[in-house]
Amino acid sequence: MPDFGLFMAAFLAATLLPAQSEAVLVALLLDGHSPWRLVAVASIGNVLGSTVNWWLGREIVRFGDRRWFPVKPAALERARRSYARWGRWTLLLSWVPVIGDPLTLVAGMMRERLSVFLMIVTFAKTLRYIVLAVAVMTQAN
């Protein structure tokens, strides 16, 4: 069951919900589980969670003119300008706490192609888990 727990922690951590997948990964690594398997499980869960954000971003913009919409038009326009300036490469920061999740939401709002989104986000998030696993395994030995 450690795979399912890590998957869920990674999935939730990638959404706008507060969760922590790194602590779960470290605990499982120190418990002797396969680093490559854990990195794969965490990466898949995290990328799928980010894909939920991307989808939400694509769908939520159609409600932008509603009074209850949580983002003011000026903030939405700033996000659009920022994405237009920096573009898809901002998704390389999708792993960064606090800013990464909103970036994946904005990518959906900006109609980024899913294939491009998945390629960049998968690279960034998997690399983060690999670096963390290597650091933990190096310190453990």
N, C-alpha and C. Protein backbone atom coordinates (compact mmCIF):
# COMPACT_ATOMS: atom_id res chain seq x y z
N MET A 1 0.79 -1.23 0.00
CA MET A 1 0.00 0.00 0.00
C MET A 1 0.83 1.29 0.00
N PRO A 2 2.15 1.21 0.16
CA PRO A 2 2.90 2.46 0.13
C PRO A 2 2.78 3.17 -1.21
N ASP A 3 2.65 2.39 -2.31
CA ASP A 3 2.51 3.02 -3.62
C ASP A 3 1.25 3.88 -3.69
N PHE A 4 0.13 3.35 -3.21
CA PHE A 4 -1.12 4.10 -3.27
C PHE A 4 -1.05 5.36 -2.41
N GLY A 5 -0.48 5.25 -1.22
CA GLY A 5 -0.35 6.42 -0.34
C GLY A 5 0.52 7.50 -0.96
N LEU A 6 1.63 7.09 -1.56
CA LEU A 6 2.52 8.05 -2.22
C LEU A 6 1.83 8.67 -3.43
N PHE A 7 1.15 7.83 -4.21
CA PHE A 7 0.43 8.33 -5.38
C PHE A 7 -0.58 9.40 -4.97
N MET A 8 -1.37 9.11 -3.94
CA MET A 8 -2.39 10.06 -3.50
C MET A 8 -1.77 11.34 -2.95
N ALA A 9 -0.69 11.21 -2.17
CA ALA A 9 -0.01 12.39 -1.64
C ALA A 9 0.52 13.25 -2.78
N ALA A 10 1.12 12.61 -3.79
CA ALA A 10 1.67 13.35 -4.93
C ALA A 10 0.56 13.97 -5.77
N PHE A 11 -0.53 13.23 -5.96
CA PHE A 11 -1.66 13.75 -6.72
C PHE A 11 -2.23 14.99 -6.04
N LEU A 12 -2.53 14.87 -4.76
CA LEU A 12 -3.12 15.99 -4.02
C LEU A 12 -2.17 17.17 -3.94
N ALA A 13 -0.87 16.89 -3.79
CA ALA A 13 0.12 17.97 -3.69
C ALA A 13 0.18 18.80 -4.97
N ALA A 14 -0.16 18.19 -6.10
CA ALA A 14 -0.12 18.90 -7.38
C ALA A 14 -1.37 19.70 -7.65
N THR A 15 -2.44 19.42 -6.93
CA THR A 15 -3.66 20.21 -7.10
C THR A 15 -3.54 21.46 -6.23
N LEU A 16 -4.58 22.22 -6.18
CA LEU A 16 -4.56 23.43 -5.37
C LEU A 16 -4.80 23.14 -3.89
N LEU A 17 -4.97 21.85 -3.56
CA LEU A 17 -5.15 21.46 -2.16
C LEU A 17 -3.79 21.36 -1.47
N PRO A 18 -3.73 21.69 -0.19
CA PRO A 18 -2.44 21.59 0.50
C PRO A 18 -2.11 20.13 0.83
N ALA A 19 -0.97 19.68 0.37
CA ALA A 19 -0.49 18.33 0.66
C ALA A 19 1.02 18.32 0.47
N GLN A 20 1.67 17.29 1.00
CA GLN A 20 3.12 17.20 0.98
C GLN A 20 3.55 15.82 0.50
N SER A 21 4.05 15.73 -0.71
CA SER A 21 4.47 14.43 -1.23
C SER A 21 5.93 14.13 -0.93
N GLU A 22 6.74 15.14 -0.79
CA GLU A 22 8.17 14.93 -0.57
C GLU A 22 8.44 14.19 0.74
N ALA A 23 7.70 14.54 1.79
CA ALA A 23 7.90 13.88 3.08
C ALA A 23 7.54 12.41 2.99
N VAL A 24 6.48 12.08 2.27
CA VAL A 24 6.08 10.69 2.09
C VAL A 24 7.16 9.95 1.30
N LEU A 25 7.65 10.56 0.24
CA LEU A 25 8.69 9.94 -0.57
C LEU A 25 9.94 9.67 0.27
N VAL A 26 10.38 10.64 1.03
CA VAL A 26 11.58 10.48 1.86
C VAL A 26 11.38 9.35 2.87
N ALA A 27 10.23 9.31 3.52
CA ALA A 27 9.96 8.26 4.51
C ALA A 27 10.01 6.88 3.87
N LEU A 28 9.44 6.75 2.70
CA LEU A 28 9.44 5.45 2.02
C LEU A 28 10.83 5.07 1.52
N LEU A 29 11.59 6.05 1.08
CA LEU A 29 12.98 5.78 0.68
C LEU A 29 13.79 5.28 1.87
N LEU A 30 13.63 5.95 3.00
CA LEU A 30 14.38 5.56 4.20
C LEU A 30 13.92 4.21 4.75
N ASP A 31 12.71 3.83 4.37
CA ASP A 31 12.18 2.53 4.79
C ASP A 31 12.68 1.40 3.89
N GLY A 32 13.42 1.74 2.85
CA GLY A 32 14.04 0.73 2.00
C GLY A 32 13.30 0.37 0.73
N HIS A 33 12.28 1.10 0.38
CA HIS A 33 11.54 0.82 -0.86
C HIS A 33 12.37 1.23 -2.08
N SER A 34 12.04 0.66 -3.21
CA SER A 34 12.78 0.91 -4.46
C SER A 34 12.69 2.38 -4.86
N PRO A 35 13.85 3.06 -4.96
CA PRO A 35 13.83 4.48 -5.34
C PRO A 35 13.19 4.72 -6.71
N TRP A 36 13.51 3.88 -7.69
CA TRP A 36 12.97 4.11 -9.03
C TRP A 36 11.47 3.92 -9.08
N ARG A 37 10.99 2.93 -8.36
CA ARG A 37 9.54 2.69 -8.31
C ARG A 37 8.85 3.87 -7.64
N LEU A 38 9.41 4.35 -6.52
CA LEU A 38 8.82 5.48 -5.81
C LEU A 38 8.83 6.75 -6.66
N VAL A 39 9.93 6.99 -7.35
CA VAL A 39 10.01 8.17 -8.22
C VAL A 39 8.95 8.08 -9.31
N ALA A 40 8.78 6.89 -9.88
CA ALA A 40 7.77 6.72 -10.93
C ALA A 40 6.36 6.95 -10.40
N VAL A 41 6.05 6.35 -9.25
CA VAL A 41 4.71 6.50 -8.67
C VAL A 41 4.44 7.96 -8.31
N ALA A 42 5.40 8.62 -7.66
CA ALA A 42 5.23 10.03 -7.27
C ALA A 42 5.08 10.91 -8.50
N SER A 43 5.88 10.66 -9.51
CA SER A 43 5.82 11.48 -10.73
C SER A 43 4.48 11.34 -11.43
N ILE A 44 4.01 10.11 -11.57
CA ILE A 44 2.72 9.88 -12.24
C ILE A 44 1.60 10.58 -11.46
N GLY A 45 1.58 10.40 -10.16
CA GLY A 45 0.55 11.06 -9.35
C GLY A 45 0.61 12.56 -9.44
N ASN A 46 1.82 13.11 -9.38
CA ASN A 46 1.99 14.56 -9.41
C ASN A 46 1.60 15.15 -10.77
N VAL A 47 1.99 14.48 -11.83
CA VAL A 47 1.63 14.96 -13.17
C VAL A 47 0.12 14.87 -13.39
N LEU A 48 -0.50 13.80 -12.94
CA LEU A 48 -1.96 13.70 -13.08
C LEU A 48 -2.67 14.79 -12.29
N GLY A 49 -2.17 15.10 -11.09
CA GLY A 49 -2.75 16.20 -10.31
C GLY A 49 -2.61 17.53 -11.03
N SER A 50 -1.47 17.76 -11.64
CA SER A 50 -1.26 18.98 -12.41
C SER A 50 -2.17 19.04 -13.63
N THR A 51 -2.44 17.87 -14.20
CA THR A 51 -3.33 17.81 -15.35
C THR A 51 -4.76 18.19 -14.95
N VAL A 52 -5.14 17.85 -13.73
CA VAL A 52 -6.45 18.29 -13.22
C VAL A 52 -6.48 19.83 -13.17
N ASN A 53 -5.40 20.44 -12.68
CA ASN A 53 -5.32 21.91 -12.66
C ASN A 53 -5.44 22.48 -14.07
N TRP A 54 -4.72 21.88 -15.02
CA TRP A 54 -4.76 22.35 -16.41
C TRP A 54 -6.19 22.29 -16.93
N TRP A 55 -6.87 21.18 -16.68
CA TRP A 55 -8.25 21.02 -17.14
C TRP A 55 -9.17 22.05 -16.47
N LEU A 56 -9.01 22.23 -15.16
CA LEU A 56 -9.81 23.23 -14.46
C LEU A 56 -9.59 24.62 -15.06
N GLY A 57 -8.34 24.95 -15.35
CA GLY A 57 -8.04 26.23 -15.97
C GLY A 57 -8.73 26.41 -17.31
N ARG A 58 -8.74 25.36 -18.10
CA ARG A 58 -9.42 25.42 -19.41
C ARG A 58 -10.91 25.64 -19.26
N GLU A 59 -11.49 25.01 -18.25
CA GLU A 59 -12.94 25.06 -18.08
C GLU A 59 -13.42 26.31 -17.34
N ILE A 60 -12.63 26.78 -16.41
CA ILE A 60 -13.11 27.86 -15.55
C ILE A 60 -13.16 29.23 -16.24
N VAL A 61 -12.36 29.43 -17.26
CA VAL A 61 -12.34 30.75 -17.91
C VAL A 61 -13.68 31.12 -18.52
N ARG A 62 -14.49 30.15 -18.82
CA ARG A 62 -15.80 30.49 -19.40
C ARG A 62 -16.72 31.16 -18.40
N PHE A 63 -16.36 31.12 -17.11
CA PHE A 63 -17.15 31.77 -16.07
C PHE A 63 -16.55 33.11 -15.66
N GLY A 64 -15.55 33.58 -16.38
CA GLY A 64 -14.84 34.80 -16.02
C GLY A 64 -15.69 36.05 -15.91
N ASP A 65 -16.80 36.07 -16.59
CA ASP A 65 -17.66 37.26 -16.55
C ASP A 65 -18.69 37.21 -15.41
N ARG A 66 -18.68 36.14 -14.65
CA ARG A 66 -19.65 36.01 -13.55
C ARG A 66 -19.15 36.76 -12.32
N ARG A 67 -20.09 37.29 -11.57
CA ARG A 67 -19.77 38.08 -10.38
C ARG A 67 -19.05 37.24 -9.32
N TRP A 68 -19.37 35.97 -9.20
CA TRP A 68 -18.80 35.10 -8.19
C TRP A 68 -17.42 34.55 -8.56
N PHE A 69 -17.00 34.80 -9.80
CA PHE A 69 -15.72 34.26 -10.27
C PHE A 69 -14.59 34.72 -9.34
N PRO A 70 -13.76 33.78 -8.86
CA PRO A 70 -12.77 34.12 -7.82
C PRO A 70 -11.62 35.02 -8.27
N VAL A 71 -11.39 35.13 -9.57
CA VAL A 71 -10.27 35.95 -10.07
C VAL A 71 -10.83 37.19 -10.73
N LYS A 72 -10.36 38.32 -10.29
CA LYS A 72 -10.81 39.59 -10.88
C LYS A 72 -10.27 39.72 -12.30
N PRO A 73 -10.98 40.41 -13.17
CA PRO A 73 -10.54 40.57 -14.56
C PRO A 73 -9.12 41.12 -14.69
N ALA A 74 -8.75 42.06 -13.83
CA ALA A 74 -7.40 42.63 -13.91
C ALA A 74 -6.33 41.59 -13.59
N ALA A 75 -6.59 40.74 -12.60
CA ALA A 75 -5.63 39.69 -12.24
C ALA A 75 -5.54 38.65 -13.35
N LEU A 76 -6.67 38.35 -13.97
CA LEU A 76 -6.69 37.40 -15.08
C LEU A 76 -5.91 37.96 -16.26
N GLU A 77 -6.05 39.23 -16.51
CA GLU A 77 -5.32 39.86 -17.61
C GLU A 77 -3.82 39.87 -17.33
N ARG A 78 -3.42 40.11 -16.08
CA ARG A 78 -1.99 40.06 -15.71
C ARG A 78 -1.44 38.66 -15.94
N ALA A 79 -2.22 37.65 -15.57
CA ALA A 79 -1.78 36.27 -15.79
C ALA A 79 -1.63 35.99 -17.28
N ARG A 80 -2.55 36.47 -18.07
CA ARG A 80 -2.47 36.26 -19.52
C ARG A 80 -1.23 36.94 -20.11
N ARG A 81 -0.97 38.18 -19.68
CA ARG A 81 0.21 38.90 -20.17
C ARG A 81 1.49 38.18 -19.76
N SER A 82 1.52 37.73 -18.54
CA SER A 82 2.70 37.02 -18.03
C SER A 82 2.94 35.75 -18.84
N TYR A 83 1.87 35.00 -19.06
CA TYR A 83 2.01 33.75 -19.81
C TYR A 83 2.39 34.04 -21.25
N ALA A 84 1.84 35.10 -21.81
CA ALA A 84 2.20 35.46 -23.18
C ALA A 84 3.68 35.84 -23.26
N ARG A 85 4.18 36.45 -22.22
CA ARG A 85 5.59 36.87 -22.22
C ARG A 85 6.53 35.69 -21.99
N TRP A 86 6.25 34.91 -20.97
CA TRP A 86 7.16 33.82 -20.59
C TRP A 86 6.75 32.48 -21.18
N GLY A 87 5.46 32.34 -21.43
CA GLY A 87 4.96 31.17 -22.12
C GLY A 87 5.09 29.85 -21.39
N ARG A 88 5.09 28.82 -22.20
CA ARG A 88 5.07 27.46 -21.69
C ARG A 88 6.29 27.11 -20.85
N TRP A 89 7.37 27.84 -21.02
CA TRP A 89 8.58 27.50 -20.27
C TRP A 89 8.44 27.79 -18.78
N THR A 90 7.42 28.56 -18.41
CA THR A 90 7.16 28.75 -16.98
C THR A 90 6.77 27.43 -16.33
N LEU A 91 6.31 26.49 -17.12
CA LEU A 91 5.92 25.19 -16.59
C LEU A 91 7.11 24.40 -16.05
N LEU A 92 8.32 24.79 -16.40
CA LEU A 92 9.51 24.18 -15.79
C LEU A 92 9.54 24.44 -14.29
N LEU A 93 8.78 25.44 -13.85
CA LEU A 93 8.69 25.77 -12.42
C LEU A 93 7.46 25.13 -11.77
N SER A 94 6.81 24.23 -12.46
CA SER A 94 5.59 23.62 -11.94
C SER A 94 5.83 22.81 -10.66
N TRP A 95 7.05 22.46 -10.38
CA TRP A 95 7.38 21.69 -9.17
C TRP A 95 7.58 22.58 -7.95
N VAL A 96 7.73 23.87 -8.15
CA VAL A 96 8.04 24.80 -7.06
C VAL A 96 6.82 25.00 -6.15
N PRO A 97 6.99 24.83 -4.84
CA PRO A 97 5.87 25.05 -3.93
C PRO A 97 5.28 26.46 -4.10
N VAL A 98 4.03 26.58 -3.86
CA VAL A 98 3.23 27.80 -3.89
C VAL A 98 2.97 28.31 -5.31
N ILE A 99 3.99 28.44 -6.16
CA ILE A 99 3.75 29.01 -7.49
C ILE A 99 3.48 27.95 -8.56
N GLY A 100 3.93 26.73 -8.34
CA GLY A 100 3.81 25.70 -9.36
C GLY A 100 2.38 25.32 -9.70
N ASP A 101 1.54 25.15 -8.69
CA ASP A 101 0.15 24.75 -8.93
C ASP A 101 -0.62 25.82 -9.71
N PRO A 102 -0.53 27.09 -9.31
CA PRO A 102 -1.21 28.10 -10.11
C PRO A 102 -0.69 28.19 -11.55
N LEU A 103 0.61 27.93 -11.75
CA LEU A 103 1.14 27.95 -13.12
C LEU A 103 0.46 26.91 -14.00
N THR A 104 0.19 25.74 -13.44
CA THR A 104 -0.47 24.71 -14.24
C THR A 104 -1.92 25.07 -14.54
N LEU A 105 -2.56 25.76 -13.61
CA LEU A 105 -3.92 26.25 -13.82
C LEU A 105 -3.93 27.32 -14.93
N VAL A 106 -2.99 28.24 -14.86
CA VAL A 106 -2.88 29.30 -15.87
C VAL A 106 -2.60 28.71 -17.24
N ALA A 107 -1.78 27.67 -17.30
CA ALA A 107 -1.49 27.03 -18.60
C ALA A 107 -2.79 26.53 -19.24
N GLY A 108 -3.67 25.99 -18.43
CA GLY A 108 -4.96 25.56 -18.96
C GLY A 108 -5.80 26.74 -19.41
N MET A 109 -5.78 27.80 -18.61
CA MET A 109 -6.53 29.00 -18.97
C MET A 109 -6.02 29.62 -20.27
N MET A 110 -4.72 29.48 -20.51
CA MET A 110 -4.12 30.04 -21.71
C MET A 110 -4.19 29.08 -22.90
N ARG A 111 -4.89 27.96 -22.69
CA ARG A 111 -5.14 26.98 -23.75
C ARG A 111 -3.86 26.31 -24.25
N GLU A 112 -2.91 26.10 -23.34
CA GLU A 112 -1.70 25.38 -23.72
C GLU A 112 -2.10 23.98 -24.19
N ARG A 113 -1.46 23.50 -25.24
CA ARG A 113 -1.76 22.16 -25.75
C ARG A 113 -1.39 21.13 -24.68
N LEU A 114 -2.25 20.13 -24.52
CA LEU A 114 -2.03 19.10 -23.49
C LEU A 114 -0.71 18.36 -23.72
N SER A 115 -0.38 18.06 -24.96
CA SER A 115 0.85 17.32 -25.24
C SER A 115 2.08 18.10 -24.78
N VAL A 116 2.11 19.39 -25.05
CA VAL A 116 3.23 20.24 -24.63
C VAL A 116 3.24 20.36 -23.11
N PHE A 117 2.08 20.58 -22.53
CA PHE A 117 1.95 20.67 -21.08
C PHE A 117 2.51 19.42 -20.41
N LEU A 118 2.08 18.25 -20.87
CA LEU A 118 2.51 16.99 -20.27
C LEU A 118 4.02 16.78 -20.40
N MET A 119 4.56 17.12 -21.54
CA MET A 119 5.99 16.94 -21.76
C MET A 119 6.81 17.79 -20.79
N ILE A 120 6.50 19.05 -20.67
CA ILE A 120 7.27 19.96 -19.81
C ILE A 120 7.05 19.65 -18.34
N VAL A 121 5.81 19.47 -17.94
CA VAL A 121 5.49 19.20 -16.53
C VAL A 121 6.06 17.86 -16.09
N THR A 122 5.96 16.85 -16.93
CA THR A 122 6.52 15.54 -16.57
C THR A 122 8.03 15.64 -16.38
N PHE A 123 8.70 16.35 -17.26
CA PHE A 123 10.15 16.53 -17.13
C PHE A 123 10.48 17.22 -15.80
N ALA A 124 9.83 18.34 -15.54
CA ALA A 124 10.15 19.14 -14.34
C ALA A 124 9.86 18.38 -13.05
N LYS A 125 8.71 17.77 -12.97
CA LYS A 125 8.31 17.09 -11.74
C LYS A 125 9.11 15.80 -11.50
N THR A 126 9.38 15.07 -12.57
CA THR A 126 10.17 13.85 -12.41
C THR A 126 11.60 14.18 -12.01
N LEU A 127 12.17 15.20 -12.63
CA LEU A 127 13.53 15.61 -12.27
C LEU A 127 13.61 16.00 -10.80
N ARG A 128 12.60 16.70 -10.31
CA ARG A 128 12.58 17.08 -8.89
C ARG A 128 12.60 15.85 -7.99
N TYR A 129 11.79 14.84 -8.29
CA TYR A 129 11.75 13.63 -7.47
C TYR A 129 13.05 12.83 -7.59
N ILE A 130 13.66 12.82 -8.77
CA ILE A 130 14.94 12.12 -8.93
C ILE A 130 16.01 12.79 -8.07
N VAL A 131 16.09 14.11 -8.14
CA VAL A 131 17.08 14.84 -7.33
C VAL A 131 16.86 14.58 -5.85
N LEU A 132 15.63 14.60 -5.41
CA LEU A 132 15.32 14.34 -4.00
C LEU A 132 15.71 12.91 -3.61
N ALA A 133 15.38 11.94 -4.46
CA ALA A 133 15.71 10.55 -4.16
C ALA A 133 17.22 10.33 -4.11
N VAL A 134 17.94 10.92 -5.05
CA VAL A 134 19.40 10.80 -5.03
C VAL A 134 19.99 11.43 -3.77
N ALA A 135 19.48 12.58 -3.39
CA ALA A 135 19.97 13.25 -2.19
C ALA A 135 19.72 12.40 -0.95
N VAL A 136 18.54 11.83 -0.84
CA VAL A 136 18.19 11.00 0.31
C VAL A 136 19.05 9.75 0.33
N MET A 137 19.17 9.08 -0.80
CA MET A 137 19.93 7.83 -0.86
C MET A 137 21.43 8.09 -0.61
N THR A 138 21.93 9.22 -1.04
CA THR A 138 23.33 9.57 -0.80
C THR A 138 23.57 9.81 0.68
N GLN A 139 22.65 10.50 1.33
CA GLN A 139 22.77 10.78 2.76
C GLN A 139 22.57 9.51 3.59
N ALA A 140 21.73 8.60 3.11
CA ALA A 140 21.43 7.37 3.86
C ALA A 140 22.61 6.40 3.85
N ASN A 141 23.45 6.50 2.85
CA ASN A 141 24.59 5.56 2.71
C ASN A 141 25.84 6.08 3.33
